[in-house]
């Protein structure tokens, strides 16, 4: 018995003692030293960072295991990870905003320069050709360019009115000059302009020049204005879309992705790439501009080609002086026939008691005008600095937009390419942060479409649905696309009339795709009479003309199909975007 006891005492030191409890091994082998060092450098208070792992029952987002984060640290990490994610998205898309803003600024400068150059050229040529006659009526011509600028820059209303009023006022000024032996009262001039604007076009004092100028300048101005507005809308919409309004679900997912490694004491362990892609797809797919982004770019490029080709803004601007001069020459050469018809319709004017009867001045020979107004001169491309830069700008636009066509679809990949967000693609086989610990991410990686987001393991369905602001931005982009596509076909949706659109006609706002606004253009339907009305007595050839719109509405328009009003289309689009999901 004593021998057995002695043997047991000898073997007792060799027996193992009681083992460590669950988790004690991790508690000994892992510490918060690295977390404290990194967060301390970032300005976190060390007093809120435990020196060793503590129980994680207080955590709201990260795994409730042993942790290096207090409640305050977890909350602050949530804010910081959200700011990092949003800043990365804005930084990634900053070049896109800059591209659209720079193109908008440069095209706008070119269009403005072309208008100014056309006005300056007209002034020089008319001073040389007409001398004092032009100087006395300079406000009439400068007023036309002012109204063209108003259309381009501001309200977009009255482009057709501006041209009709200009020719009416020009006739009021020129017709008395052909007959200085008569006195023309305001009522007589009213009859004159009413006759000139009659629906049957029986009196065409300026020949075909008003129609040709209207065709060319209208479609060019409509295209340029829609193009500039399209660039401006794209710039603003993209800038707003990049300021990601993160949902609560997205904030929690981003925190699990990049913040929770700090709480687990492994801040150097990069998040798994598949984990990042699921989070990025879930947060960004509902905030992007697809599927409206591709059609928007197509509309921009299609309209840009028209602006430097068939709807050349430069050619239209430079043709203003040409068409006006041709109209004046037609009036001079056909003054006898025009006057005879006016006297038959409006009666004989009162003779001037202070003037002797004098025959009208003979027409100015075309050879004295120089080659500028010879047939075909208006079809020659001007060589202004702005005109030379327009093809280059269109080429640059096409080249830059080709790079950003897949921007929104590729945004999650770009974000996860940042080392702060995920492990490098070359290290996919190495252990990474899975959301709960070190290992490999085995959950499926979903795509970016909303249907695929239903199976996203990192975000719920509600977090992936577009919010109201995103739907509104997409609606604005879609509306800009509709306007640009319509303008590329010669239609101004804002200026078309409800009554004429309902009957299937476009009130002359639709033009053929010809290179010049000449005989090949689609002629507008006959216009109803638009007699001018004067406020005040006025003088000979003077006064302010106010045109009767005869109940016409300026609120109508059509879509790219051109038989439905744009307001209806936008309303239906809004229902589709804002309706229940």
Protein backbone atom coordinates (compact mmCIF):
# COMPACT_ATOMS: atom_id res chain seq x y z
CA UNK A 1 0.00 0.00 0.00
CA UNK A 2 2.80 2.38 0.89
CA UNK A 3 4.57 1.42 -2.31
CA UNK A 4 1.44 2.27 -4.31
CA UNK A 5 1.09 5.63 -2.57
CA UNK A 6 4.71 6.40 -3.29
CA UNK A 7 4.17 5.61 -6.96
CA UNK A 8 1.11 7.90 -7.15
CA UNK A 9 3.03 10.77 -5.60
CA UNK A 10 5.77 10.33 -8.19
CA UNK A 11 3.28 10.37 -11.11
CA UNK A 12 1.16 13.29 -9.85
CA UNK A 13 3.47 16.06 -11.19
CA UNK A 14 3.24 14.53 -14.67
CA UNK A 15 -0.57 14.80 -14.86
CA UNK A 16 -2.01 17.92 -16.67
CA UNK A 17 -3.82 20.51 -14.62
CA UNK A 18 -7.31 21.93 -15.34
CA UNK A 19 -7.66 23.39 -18.90
CA UNK A 20 -8.48 27.07 -19.87
CA UNK A 21 -12.10 27.96 -20.38
CA UNK A 22 -13.63 28.78 -23.76
CA UNK A 23 -12.15 31.87 -25.36
CA UNK A 24 -9.32 32.18 -22.94
CA UNK A 25 -6.84 31.12 -25.57
CA UNK A 26 -7.98 33.90 -27.90
CA UNK A 27 -7.90 36.34 -25.03
CA UNK A 28 -4.30 35.55 -24.40
CA UNK A 29 -3.15 35.35 -28.03
CA UNK A 30 -4.98 38.50 -29.32
CA UNK A 31 -4.66 42.04 -28.04
CA UNK A 32 -5.83 45.56 -28.90
CA UNK A 33 -2.36 47.05 -29.30
CA UNK A 34 -2.52 47.48 -33.09
CA UNK A 35 -6.05 48.89 -32.94
CA UNK A 36 -5.05 51.42 -30.27
CA UNK A 37 -2.00 52.50 -32.28
CA UNK A 38 -3.87 53.08 -35.55
CA UNK A 39 -6.93 54.74 -34.05
CA UNK A 40 -4.78 56.83 -31.73
CA UNK A 41 -2.97 58.26 -34.74
CA UNK A 42 -6.37 59.13 -36.24
CA UNK A 43 -7.30 61.18 -33.20
CA UNK A 44 -9.36 58.68 -31.24
CA UNK A 45 -9.26 59.02 -27.46
CA UNK A 46 -7.19 56.22 -25.94
CA UNK A 47 -9.30 56.40 -22.82
CA UNK A 48 -12.20 55.01 -24.85
CA UNK A 49 -10.06 52.21 -26.32
CA UNK A 50 -9.68 49.25 -23.96
CA UNK A 51 -6.08 48.00 -23.63
CA UNK A 52 -7.23 44.41 -24.01
CA UNK A 53 -10.17 42.52 -25.40
CA UNK A 54 -13.45 43.00 -23.57
CA UNK A 55 -16.88 41.45 -23.89
CA UNK A 56 -18.75 42.69 -26.98
CA UNK A 57 -22.30 42.40 -25.73
CA UNK A 58 -22.72 46.19 -26.09
CA UNK A 59 -21.93 46.26 -29.82
CA UNK A 60 -24.76 47.12 -32.18
CA UNK A 61 -23.18 46.37 -35.61
CA UNK A 62 -19.99 44.33 -35.20
CA UNK A 63 -20.01 40.70 -33.93
CA UNK A 64 -20.79 40.60 -30.22
CA UNK A 65 -17.66 38.68 -29.33
CA UNK A 66 -14.53 39.80 -27.55
CA UNK A 67 -13.77 43.28 -28.91
CA UNK A 68 -11.46 46.29 -28.79
CA UNK A 69 -14.32 48.78 -29.21
CA UNK A 70 -16.47 50.53 -26.70
CA UNK A 71 -19.91 51.77 -27.74
CA UNK A 72 -18.49 55.25 -28.41
CA UNK A 73 -15.71 53.86 -30.61
CA UNK A 74 -18.13 51.75 -32.64
CA UNK A 75 -20.37 54.76 -33.21
CA UNK A 76 -17.50 56.95 -34.32
CA UNK A 77 -16.13 54.24 -36.59
CA UNK A 78 -19.56 54.05 -38.22
CA UNK A 79 -19.40 57.77 -39.01
CA UNK A 80 -15.84 57.56 -40.28
CA UNK A 81 -16.39 54.54 -42.50
CA UNK A 82 -19.46 56.21 -44.01
CA UNK A 83 -17.45 59.40 -44.71
CA UNK A 84 -14.64 57.35 -46.26
CA UNK A 85 -17.03 55.46 -48.53
CA UNK A 86 -18.87 58.59 -49.65
CA UNK A 87 -15.61 60.48 -50.21
CA UNK A 88 -14.26 57.64 -52.32
CA UNK A 89 -17.38 57.63 -54.51
CA UNK A 90 -17.23 61.41 -55.02
CA UNK A 91 -13.51 61.25 -55.75
CA UNK A 92 -14.04 58.46 -58.28
CA UNK A 93 -16.72 60.45 -60.13
CA UNK A 94 -15.10 63.88 -59.90
CA UNK A 95 -13.56 63.51 -63.36
CA UNK A 96 -17.02 62.82 -64.80
CA UNK A 97 -18.45 66.01 -63.29
CA UNK A 98 -15.42 67.94 -64.50
CA UNK A 99 -15.80 66.52 -68.03
CA UNK A 100 -19.44 67.57 -68.34
CA UNK A 101 -18.78 70.97 -66.73
CA UNK A 102 -15.80 71.69 -68.99
CA UNK A 103 -17.69 70.65 -72.15
CA UNK A 104 -20.65 72.81 -71.11
CA UNK A 105 -18.42 75.83 -70.56
CA UNK A 106 -16.51 75.46 -73.83
CA UNK A 107 -19.52 74.82 -76.05
CA UNK A 108 -21.37 77.69 -74.41
CA UNK A 109 -18.45 80.03 -75.08
CA UNK A 110 -18.30 78.94 -78.72
CA UNK A 111 -22.03 79.47 -79.30
CA UNK A 112 -21.96 82.90 -77.69
CA UNK A 113 -18.91 83.87 -79.71
CA UNK A 114 -20.63 82.77 -82.91
CA UNK A 115 -23.66 84.96 -82.19
CA UNK A 116 -21.46 87.95 -81.35
CA UNK A 117 -19.37 87.38 -84.46
CA UNK A 118 -22.50 87.19 -86.64
CA UNK A 119 -23.83 90.44 -85.18
CA UNK A 120 -20.48 92.16 -85.69
CA UNK A 121 -20.20 90.89 -89.28
CA UNK A 122 -23.72 92.08 -90.07
CA UNK A 123 -22.96 95.54 -88.70
CA UNK A 124 -19.76 95.88 -90.75
CA UNK A 125 -21.33 94.64 -93.97
CA UNK A 126 -24.49 96.72 -93.66
CA UNK A 127 -22.51 99.83 -92.78
CA UNK A 128 -20.50 99.32 -95.92
CA UNK A 129 -23.50 98.51 -98.11
CA UNK A 130 -26.25 100.79 -96.75
CA UNK A 131 -24.40 103.51 -94.84
CA UNK A 132 -26.71 105.98 -93.05
CA UNK A 133 -29.75 103.89 -93.86
CA UNK A 134 -28.43 101.12 -91.64
CA UNK A 135 -27.18 103.51 -88.94
CA UNK A 136 -30.68 104.97 -88.56
CA UNK A 137 -32.17 101.54 -87.96
CA UNK A 138 -29.40 99.83 -86.01
CA UNK A 139 -31.63 99.15 -82.95
CA UNK A 140 -33.89 97.02 -85.14
CA UNK A 141 -31.04 94.64 -86.00
CA UNK A 142 -29.44 94.65 -82.56
CA UNK A 143 -32.89 93.93 -81.12
CA UNK A 144 -33.11 90.78 -83.23
CA UNK A 145 -29.81 89.46 -81.85
CA UNK A 146 -30.89 90.38 -78.32
CA UNK A 147 -34.00 88.26 -78.68
CA UNK A 148 -31.96 85.39 -80.12
CA UNK A 149 -29.69 85.58 -77.07
CA UNK A 150 -32.73 85.67 -74.80
CA UNK A 151 -33.95 82.46 -76.37
CA UNK A 152 -30.57 80.79 -76.00
CA UNK A 153 -29.78 82.01 -72.49
CA UNK A 154 -33.05 82.49 -70.65
CA UNK A 155 -36.66 81.58 -71.12
CA UNK A 156 -36.56 79.83 -74.46
CA UNK A 157 -39.74 81.57 -75.53
CA UNK A 158 -40.45 83.70 -78.58
CA UNK A 159 -37.87 82.54 -81.12
CA UNK A 160 -40.45 82.27 -83.88
CA UNK A 161 -42.08 85.49 -82.67
CA UNK A 162 -38.73 87.30 -82.75
CA UNK A 163 -38.18 86.48 -86.43
CA UNK A 164 -41.74 87.30 -87.50
CA UNK A 165 -41.69 90.59 -85.60
CA UNK A 166 -38.32 91.51 -87.08
CA UNK A 167 -39.50 91.11 -90.67
CA UNK A 168 -42.71 92.99 -89.87
CA UNK A 169 -40.80 95.92 -88.37
CA UNK A 170 -38.29 95.86 -91.21
CA UNK A 171 -41.15 96.12 -93.73
CA UNK A 172 -42.62 99.05 -91.80
CA UNK A 173 -39.27 100.83 -92.00
CA UNK A 174 -38.40 100.03 -95.62
CA UNK A 175 -41.76 100.44 -97.36
CA UNK A 176 -42.10 104.18 -96.54
CA UNK A 177 -38.54 104.70 -97.78
CA UNK A 178 -39.59 103.35 -101.17
CA UNK A 179 -42.41 105.92 -101.27
CA UNK A 180 -41.21 109.14 -99.64
CA UNK A 181 -44.00 111.05 -101.41
CA UNK A 182 -46.61 109.44 -99.15
CA UNK A 183 -47.51 109.56 -95.49
CA UNK A 184 -48.24 106.16 -93.94
CA UNK A 185 -50.38 106.26 -90.82
CA UNK A 186 -50.13 103.58 -88.10
CA UNK A 187 -53.38 102.07 -89.33
CA UNK A 188 -52.01 101.84 -92.85
CA UNK A 189 -48.82 100.17 -91.60
CA UNK A 190 -50.99 97.79 -89.60
CA UNK A 191 -52.80 96.84 -92.81
CA UNK A 192 -49.42 96.43 -94.53
CA UNK A 193 -48.00 94.00 -91.99
CA UNK A 194 -51.29 92.13 -91.72
CA UNK A 195 -51.26 91.63 -95.47
CA UNK A 196 -47.64 90.48 -95.39
CA UNK A 197 -48.42 87.87 -92.69
CA UNK A 198 -51.63 86.55 -94.21
CA UNK A 199 -52.14 82.81 -94.38
CA UNK A 200 -52.17 82.63 -98.18
CA UNK A 201 -48.75 84.32 -98.49
CA UNK A 202 -50.19 86.45 -101.29
CA UNK A 203 -47.75 89.24 -100.44
CA UNK A 204 -44.15 88.18 -100.00
CA UNK A 205 -42.28 91.50 -99.79
CA UNK A 206 -38.97 89.85 -98.92
CA UNK A 207 -39.39 86.83 -101.14
CA UNK A 208 -38.43 83.48 -99.66
CA UNK A 209 -35.77 84.91 -97.33
CA UNK A 210 -37.92 84.99 -94.14
CA UNK A 211 -38.89 81.34 -94.52
CA UNK A 212 -35.37 80.18 -95.26
CA UNK A 213 -33.91 82.18 -92.38
CA UNK A 214 -36.56 80.85 -90.04
CA UNK A 215 -35.85 77.26 -91.04
CA UNK A 216 -32.12 77.55 -90.62
CA UNK A 217 -31.87 79.72 -87.52
CA UNK A 218 -34.69 77.95 -85.64
CA UNK A 219 -33.36 74.44 -85.93
CA UNK A 220 -29.80 75.55 -85.16
CA UNK A 221 -30.85 77.57 -82.11
CA UNK A 222 -33.13 74.78 -80.87
CA UNK A 223 -30.32 72.22 -81.23
CA UNK A 224 -27.71 74.41 -79.56
CA UNK A 225 -29.98 75.30 -76.67
CA UNK A 226 -31.05 71.68 -76.07
CA UNK A 227 -27.41 70.58 -76.25
CA UNK A 228 -26.23 73.14 -73.69
CA UNK A 229 -29.17 72.33 -71.42
CA UNK A 230 -28.38 68.62 -71.77
CA UNK A 231 -24.77 69.12 -70.67
CA UNK A 232 -25.90 71.31 -67.79
CA UNK A 233 -28.50 68.79 -66.64
CA UNK A 234 -26.00 65.95 -66.84
CA UNK A 235 -23.44 67.89 -64.84
CA UNK A 236 -25.91 68.73 -62.07
CA UNK A 237 -27.51 65.29 -61.94
CA UNK A 238 -24.16 63.46 -61.80
CA UNK A 239 -22.85 65.82 -59.14
CA UNK A 240 -25.91 65.14 -56.97
CA UNK A 241 -25.88 61.40 -57.61
CA UNK A 242 -22.28 61.11 -56.41
CA UNK A 243 -23.26 62.55 -53.04
CA UNK A 244 -24.53 59.19 -51.91
CA UNK A 245 -27.41 59.50 -49.38
CA UNK A 246 -26.57 56.26 -47.57
CA UNK A 247 -29.41 54.32 -45.99
CA UNK A 248 -29.13 52.86 -42.50
CA UNK A 249 -28.67 49.41 -43.98
CA UNK A 250 -25.85 50.66 -46.19
CA UNK A 251 -24.14 52.42 -43.27
CA UNK A 252 -24.21 49.22 -41.22
CA UNK A 253 -22.87 47.18 -44.15
CA UNK A 254 -19.98 49.56 -44.74
CA UNK A 255 -19.19 49.52 -41.03
CA UNK A 256 -19.08 45.71 -41.02
CA UNK A 257 -16.85 45.87 -44.08
CA UNK A 258 -14.17 48.34 -43.02
CA UNK A 259 -14.81 49.23 -39.36
CA UNK A 260 -15.35 45.94 -37.60
CA UNK A 261 -11.79 44.66 -38.21
CA UNK A 262 -10.65 47.37 -35.80
CA UNK A 263 -13.07 46.13 -33.17
CA UNK A 264 -11.86 42.55 -33.61
CA UNK A 265 -8.25 43.64 -33.16
CA UNK A 266 -7.19 42.87 -36.76
CA UNK A 267 -7.10 46.33 -38.42
CA UNK A 268 -4.46 45.19 -40.93
CA UNK A 269 -6.62 42.35 -42.23
CA UNK A 270 -8.12 43.57 -45.54
CA UNK A 271 -11.82 42.94 -46.26
CA UNK A 272 -12.55 40.15 -48.72
CA UNK A 273 -13.16 41.38 -52.26
CA UNK A 274 -16.45 39.52 -52.65
CA UNK A 275 -17.65 41.02 -49.37
CA UNK A 276 -16.81 44.50 -50.67
CA UNK A 277 -18.52 43.95 -54.02
CA UNK A 278 -21.75 42.86 -52.38
CA UNK A 279 -21.74 45.90 -50.10
CA UNK A 280 -20.81 48.30 -52.94
CA UNK A 281 -23.43 46.87 -55.30
CA UNK A 282 -26.07 47.10 -52.62
CA UNK A 283 -25.23 50.70 -51.74
CA UNK A 284 -24.55 52.07 -55.23
CA UNK A 285 -26.82 50.24 -57.65
CA UNK A 286 -29.86 52.07 -56.31
CA UNK A 287 -28.09 55.44 -56.39
CA UNK A 288 -26.69 55.31 -59.93
CA UNK A 289 -28.22 56.64 -63.14
CA UNK A 290 -28.55 53.38 -65.06
CA UNK A 291 -30.48 52.53 -67.22
CA UNK A 292 -30.94 56.18 -68.31
CA UNK A 293 -27.22 56.94 -68.55
CA UNK A 294 -26.56 55.22 -71.89
CA UNK A 295 -29.46 56.86 -73.78
CA UNK A 296 -28.42 60.23 -72.35
CA UNK A 297 -24.90 59.88 -73.76
CA UNK A 298 -26.31 58.74 -77.11
CA UNK A 299 -28.55 61.82 -77.21
CA UNK A 300 -25.61 64.13 -76.51
CA UNK A 301 -23.44 62.63 -79.22
CA UNK A 302 -26.24 62.50 -81.79
CA UNK A 303 -27.08 66.15 -81.23
CA UNK A 304 -23.41 67.17 -81.27
CA UNK A 305 -23.04 65.67 -84.74
CA UNK A 306 -26.06 67.66 -85.91
CA UNK A 307 -24.69 70.92 -84.50
CA UNK A 308 -21.50 70.69 -86.49
CA UNK A 309 -23.27 69.30 -89.56
CA UNK A 310 -26.84 69.75 -90.82
CA UNK A 311 -27.86 72.05 -87.96
CA UNK A 312 -24.66 74.07 -87.98
CA UNK A 313 -25.01 76.84 -85.43
CA UNK A 314 -22.13 78.79 -86.96
CA UNK A 315 -23.58 78.60 -90.47
CA UNK A 316 -27.00 79.66 -89.24
CA UNK A 317 -25.62 82.61 -87.28
CA UNK A 318 -23.56 83.86 -90.20
CA UNK A 319 -26.51 83.47 -92.57
CA UNK A 320 -28.62 86.03 -90.71
CA UNK A 321 -27.02 88.98 -92.48
CA UNK A 322 -27.07 87.14 -95.80
CA UNK A 323 -30.78 86.32 -95.65
CA UNK A 324 -31.73 89.84 -94.51
CA UNK A 325 -29.73 91.42 -97.32
CA UNK A 326 -31.29 89.08 -99.87
CA UNK A 327 -34.73 90.01 -98.56
CA UNK A 328 -33.97 93.73 -98.86
CA UNK A 329 -32.73 93.29 -102.43
CA UNK A 330 -35.86 91.35 -103.30
CA UNK A 331 -37.99 94.19 -101.94
CA UNK A 332 -36.05 96.73 -104.00
CA UNK A 333 -36.19 94.72 -107.19
CA UNK A 334 -39.90 93.93 -106.82
CA UNK A 335 -41.00 97.20 -105.25
CA UNK A 336 -43.45 98.03 -108.08
CA UNK A 337 -45.32 94.71 -107.85
CA UNK A 338 -45.32 94.77 -104.04
CA UNK A 339 -46.52 98.38 -103.89
CA UNK A 340 -49.27 97.75 -106.42
CA UNK A 341 -50.66 94.89 -104.39
CA UNK A 342 -50.44 96.86 -101.14
CA UNK A 343 -52.24 99.87 -102.66
CA UNK A 344 -54.97 97.58 -104.00
CA UNK A 345 -55.56 95.91 -100.63
CA UNK A 346 -55.00 98.82 -98.22
CA UNK A 347 -55.99 101.72 -100.44
CA UNK A 348 -53.99 104.72 -101.58
CA UNK A 349 -51.90 106.39 -98.88
CA UNK A 350 -52.08 110.09 -98.13
CA UNK A 351 -49.71 112.21 -100.16
CA UNK A 352 -47.09 114.19 -98.31
CA UNK A 353 -47.66 117.96 -98.64
CA UNK A 354 -44.00 118.76 -98.03
CA UNK A 355 -42.49 116.37 -100.56
CA UNK A 356 -42.47 116.36 -104.32
CA UNK A 357 -43.26 113.19 -106.13
CA UNK A 358 -40.14 111.19 -106.79
CA UNK A 359 -39.62 107.83 -108.38
CA UNK A 360 -38.33 105.08 -106.13
CA UNK A 361 -34.59 104.61 -105.99
CA UNK A 362 -33.33 101.97 -108.42
CA UNK A 363 -32.31 98.63 -106.97
CA UNK A 364 -28.69 98.37 -105.87
CA UNK A 365 -26.78 96.21 -108.36
CA UNK A 366 -25.68 92.87 -106.97
CA UNK A 367 -22.13 93.40 -108.19
CA UNK A 368 -21.85 96.39 -105.85
CA UNK A 369 -22.63 94.11 -102.95
CA UNK A 370 -19.56 92.01 -103.58
CA UNK A 371 -19.42 88.25 -103.71
CA UNK A 372 -20.81 87.84 -100.22
CA UNK A 373 -24.43 87.78 -101.37
CA UNK A 374 -23.94 85.90 -104.58
CA UNK A 375 -25.89 82.63 -104.84
CA UNK A 376 -24.29 79.89 -102.82
CA UNK A 377 -22.22 82.25 -100.68
CA UNK A 378 -24.23 81.38 -97.58
CA UNK A 379 -23.28 77.73 -98.03
CA UNK A 380 -19.59 78.40 -97.59
CA UNK A 381 -18.36 77.52 -94.12
CA UNK A 382 -17.11 80.57 -92.25
CA UNK A 383 -13.62 80.52 -90.82
CA UNK A 384 -14.10 82.13 -87.43
CA UNK A 385 -12.04 80.93 -84.49
CA UNK A 386 -15.18 79.53 -82.88
CA UNK A 387 -16.12 77.70 -86.08
CA UNK A 388 -12.70 76.11 -86.36
CA UNK A 389 -12.87 74.90 -82.75
CA UNK A 390 -16.34 73.33 -82.98
CA UNK A 391 -15.28 70.10 -84.80
CA UNK A 392 -12.44 69.69 -82.34
CA UNK A 393 -14.82 70.11 -79.40
CA UNK A 394 -17.20 67.52 -80.84
CA UNK A 395 -14.31 65.08 -81.33
CA UNK A 396 -13.12 65.64 -77.76
CA UNK A 397 -16.65 65.14 -76.45
CA UNK A 398 -17.03 61.86 -78.33
CA UNK A 399 -13.64 60.64 -77.07
CA UNK A 400 -14.33 61.56 -73.43
CA UNK A 401 -17.86 60.22 -73.30
CA UNK A 402 -16.71 56.88 -74.66
CA UNK A 403 -14.70 56.44 -71.44
CA UNK A 404 -17.62 57.03 -69.10
CA UNK A 405 -20.34 54.98 -70.77
CA UNK A 406 -19.96 52.16 -68.24
CA UNK A 407 -19.19 54.41 -65.29
CA UNK A 408 -22.20 53.58 -63.11
CA UNK A 409 -22.06 49.85 -63.83
CA UNK A 410 -18.35 49.77 -63.01
CA UNK A 411 -18.47 52.05 -59.97
CA UNK A 412 -18.58 49.17 -57.41
CA UNK A 413 -15.51 47.59 -59.02
CA UNK A 414 -13.70 50.93 -58.91
CA UNK A 415 -14.59 51.47 -55.25
CA UNK A 416 -13.47 47.97 -54.28
CA UNK A 417 -10.21 48.53 -56.13
CA UNK A 418 -9.18 50.94 -53.38
CA UNK A 419 -6.91 49.21 -50.76
CA UNK A 420 -8.95 50.76 -47.94
CA UNK A 421 -12.06 48.88 -49.09
CA UNK A 422 -10.89 45.40 -50.08
CA UNK A 423 -7.97 43.08 -50.59
CA UNK A 424 -6.14 43.28 -53.89
CA UNK A 425 -7.52 41.07 -56.62
CA UNK A 426 -4.16 39.26 -56.81
CA UNK A 427 -4.52 38.18 -53.17
CA UNK A 428 -7.94 36.57 -53.35
CA UNK A 429 -6.54 33.25 -52.11
CA UNK A 430 -5.10 34.83 -48.95
CA UNK A 431 -7.16 35.04 -45.73
CA UNK A 432 -9.25 38.21 -45.45
CA UNK A 433 -11.97 39.80 -43.34
CA UNK A 434 -15.26 38.03 -43.96
CA UNK A 435 -17.43 40.16 -41.70
CA UNK A 436 -17.08 37.84 -38.73
CA UNK A 437 -13.40 36.95 -38.71
CA UNK A 438 -10.40 35.78 -40.67
CA UNK A 439 -11.08 33.38 -43.53
CA UNK A 440 -12.45 33.25 -47.07
CA UNK A 441 -15.69 34.85 -48.22
CA UNK A 442 -17.93 32.01 -49.40
CA UNK A 443 -21.19 33.86 -49.97
CA UNK A 444 -22.27 34.46 -53.61
CA UNK A 445 -21.38 37.82 -55.20
CA UNK A 446 -24.45 39.39 -56.79
CA UNK A 447 -24.61 41.75 -59.77
CA UNK A 448 -25.65 45.39 -59.85
CA UNK A 449 -29.22 45.10 -61.17
CA UNK A 450 -32.11 45.61 -58.79
CA UNK A 451 -33.47 42.14 -59.49
CA UNK A 452 -30.18 40.56 -58.48
CA UNK A 453 -30.03 42.78 -55.41
CA UNK A 454 -32.96 40.83 -54.02
CA UNK A 455 -30.44 38.07 -53.25
CA UNK A 456 -27.73 40.33 -51.84
CA UNK A 457 -26.55 38.68 -48.60
CA UNK A 458 -25.25 41.94 -47.11
CA UNK A 459 -28.20 44.34 -47.59
CA UNK A 460 -31.93 43.89 -47.43
CA UNK A 461 -34.27 44.73 -50.31
CA UNK A 462 -35.42 48.08 -48.92
CA UNK A 463 -31.86 49.34 -48.71
CA UNK A 464 -31.35 48.57 -52.40
CA UNK A 465 -34.45 50.32 -53.78
CA UNK A 466 -33.95 53.79 -55.33
CA UNK A 467 -35.06 56.60 -53.07
CA UNK A 468 -37.20 59.53 -54.16
CA UNK A 469 -34.22 61.78 -54.93
CA UNK A 470 -32.61 59.13 -57.13
CA UNK A 471 -35.83 58.62 -59.07
CA UNK A 472 -36.15 62.37 -59.54
CA UNK A 473 -32.60 62.62 -60.87
CA UNK A 474 -33.24 59.83 -63.34
CA UNK A 475 -36.42 61.57 -64.44
CA UNK A 476 -34.49 64.81 -65.10
CA UNK A 477 -31.91 62.91 -67.12
CA UNK A 478 -34.64 61.19 -69.12
CA UNK A 479 -36.35 64.51 -69.83
CA UNK A 480 -33.07 66.02 -71.08
CA UNK A 481 -32.59 63.00 -73.36
CA UNK A 482 -36.07 63.43 -74.83
CA UNK A 483 -35.41 67.13 -75.53
CA UNK A 484 -32.05 66.42 -77.20
CA UNK A 485 -33.40 63.64 -79.40
CA UNK A 486 -36.29 65.86 -80.44
CA UNK A 487 -33.96 68.79 -81.17
CA UNK A 488 -31.77 66.49 -83.30
CA UNK A 489 -34.83 65.95 -85.48
CA UNK A 490 -35.59 69.67 -85.66
CA UNK A 491 -38.28 69.88 -82.98
CA UNK A 492 -38.50 72.23 -80.04
CA UNK A 493 -40.77 70.53 -77.53
CA UNK A 494 -41.18 73.68 -75.46
CA UNK A 495 -42.45 75.72 -78.42
CA UNK A 496 -44.89 73.35 -80.03
CA UNK A 497 -48.57 74.04 -79.63
CA UNK A 498 -51.18 71.82 -78.11
CA UNK A 499 -53.79 72.44 -80.77
CA UNK A 500 -51.52 71.86 -83.76
CA UNK A 501 -49.84 68.87 -82.18
CA UNK A 502 -53.19 67.25 -81.58
CA UNK A 503 -53.92 67.55 -85.28
CA UNK A 504 -50.63 65.88 -86.17
CA UNK A 505 -48.78 68.93 -87.48
CA UNK A 506 -45.76 70.55 -85.92
CA UNK A 507 -46.31 74.24 -86.73
CA UNK A 508 -43.13 74.42 -88.73
CA UNK A 509 -40.90 73.24 -85.92
CA UNK A 510 -39.87 70.09 -87.79
CA UNK A 511 -37.13 70.25 -90.40
CA UNK A 512 -35.72 67.83 -92.88
CA UNK A 513 -32.27 66.41 -92.33
CA UNK A 514 -30.72 68.40 -95.13
CA UNK A 515 -27.39 70.15 -94.96
CA UNK A 516 -28.87 73.57 -95.65
CA UNK A 517 -32.18 75.25 -94.89
CA UNK A 518 -33.12 75.65 -98.51
CA UNK A 519 -35.58 74.18 -100.93
CA UNK A 520 -35.04 70.68 -99.62
CA UNK A 521 -36.27 71.60 -96.17
CA UNK A 522 -39.74 70.59 -95.11
CA UNK A 523 -41.87 73.67 -95.46
CA UNK A 524 -44.11 74.50 -92.52
CA UNK A 525 -47.86 74.53 -92.92
CA UNK A 526 -49.53 77.79 -93.77
CA UNK A 527 -49.47 80.15 -90.83
CA UNK A 528 -52.58 82.00 -89.67
CA UNK A 529 -52.53 85.76 -89.98
CA UNK A 530 -50.47 87.47 -87.27
CA UNK A 531 -51.30 91.15 -87.58
CA UNK A 532 -49.23 93.42 -85.38
CA UNK A 533 -50.91 95.67 -82.86
CA UNK A 534 -49.54 98.94 -81.58
CA UNK A 535 -49.63 100.44 -78.13
CA UNK A 536 -49.86 104.16 -78.65
CA UNK A 537 -50.13 106.14 -81.83
CA UNK A 538 -46.58 105.52 -83.02
CA UNK A 539 -44.93 107.18 -85.92
CA UNK A 540 -44.13 106.33 -89.47
CA UNK A 541 -42.38 103.02 -89.35
CA UNK A 542 -42.10 103.28 -85.60
CA UNK A 543 -43.93 101.93 -82.61
CA UNK A 544 -43.73 98.67 -80.74
CA UNK A 545 -45.33 95.67 -82.36
CA UNK A 546 -47.31 93.29 -80.17
CA UNK A 547 -48.42 90.22 -82.09
CA UNK A 548 -51.71 88.49 -81.54
CA UNK A 549 -51.22 84.83 -80.72
CA UNK A 550 -54.86 84.06 -81.51
CA UNK A 551 -55.33 81.80 -78.54
CA UNK A 552 -52.13 79.88 -79.11
CA UNK A 553 -50.62 78.08 -76.14
CA UNK A 554 -46.91 77.89 -75.43
CA UNK A 555 -47.12 75.02 -73.02
CA UNK A 556 -47.46 72.15 -75.45
CA UNK A 557 -44.93 69.83 -77.01
CA UNK A 558 -44.24 66.29 -78.12
CA UNK A 559 -41.87 63.50 -77.29
CA UNK A 560 -39.49 61.68 -79.55
CA UNK A 561 -42.50 59.92 -81.04
CA UNK A 562 -43.83 63.39 -81.82
CA UNK A 563 -47.51 62.59 -81.46
CA UNK A 564 -47.76 62.78 -77.66
CA UNK A 565 -47.26 65.79 -75.44
CA UNK A 566 -43.98 65.83 -73.45
CA UNK A 567 -45.80 66.74 -70.26
CA UNK A 568 -47.80 63.52 -70.60
CA UNK A 569 -44.66 61.51 -71.26
CA UNK A 570 -42.87 63.03 -68.26
CA UNK A 571 -45.95 62.45 -66.12
CA UNK A 572 -46.01 58.78 -67.08
CA UNK A 573 -42.27 58.53 -66.49
CA UNK A 574 -42.72 60.07 -63.07
CA UNK A 575 -45.40 57.52 -62.23
CA UNK A 576 -43.07 54.74 -63.33
CA UNK A 577 -40.20 56.08 -61.26
CA UNK A 578 -42.06 57.31 -58.20
CA UNK A 579 -44.67 54.61 -58.02
CA UNK A 580 -44.64 51.68 -55.61
CA UNK A 581 -41.89 49.18 -56.00
